[in-house]
Protein backbone atom coordinates (compact mmCIF):
# COMPACT_ATOMS: atom_id res chain seq x y z
CA MET A 1 -4.87 3.71 14.75
CA LEU A 2 -4.66 0.12 15.25
CA ARG A 3 -3.59 -0.31 11.67
CA CYS A 4 -0.87 2.47 11.86
CA THR A 5 0.26 0.62 14.97
CA THR A 6 0.35 -2.64 13.49
CA SER A 7 2.20 -1.54 10.30
CA TYR A 8 4.99 0.24 12.72
CA GLN A 9 5.27 -2.79 14.79
CA ILE A 10 5.78 -4.98 11.63
CA GLU A 11 8.06 -2.77 10.04
CA TYR A 12 10.05 -2.78 13.61
CA ILE A 13 10.05 -6.48 13.57
CA LEU A 14 11.34 -6.73 9.81
CA MET A 15 14.36 -4.39 10.71
CA MET A 16 15.13 -6.37 13.60
CA MET A 17 14.88 -9.69 11.56
CA GLU A 18 17.33 -8.17 9.14
CA GLN A 19 19.90 -7.32 11.86
CA TRP A 20 19.61 -10.84 13.23
CA LYS A 21 20.33 -12.14 9.68
CA VAL A 22 23.32 -9.92 9.49
CA LYS A 23 24.66 -11.20 12.65
């Protein structure tokens, strides 16, 4: 479960970073 949670968080962070770059 930890791995799944970590992977999910990383994906979410990547999405946030992408949005910041667009801004």
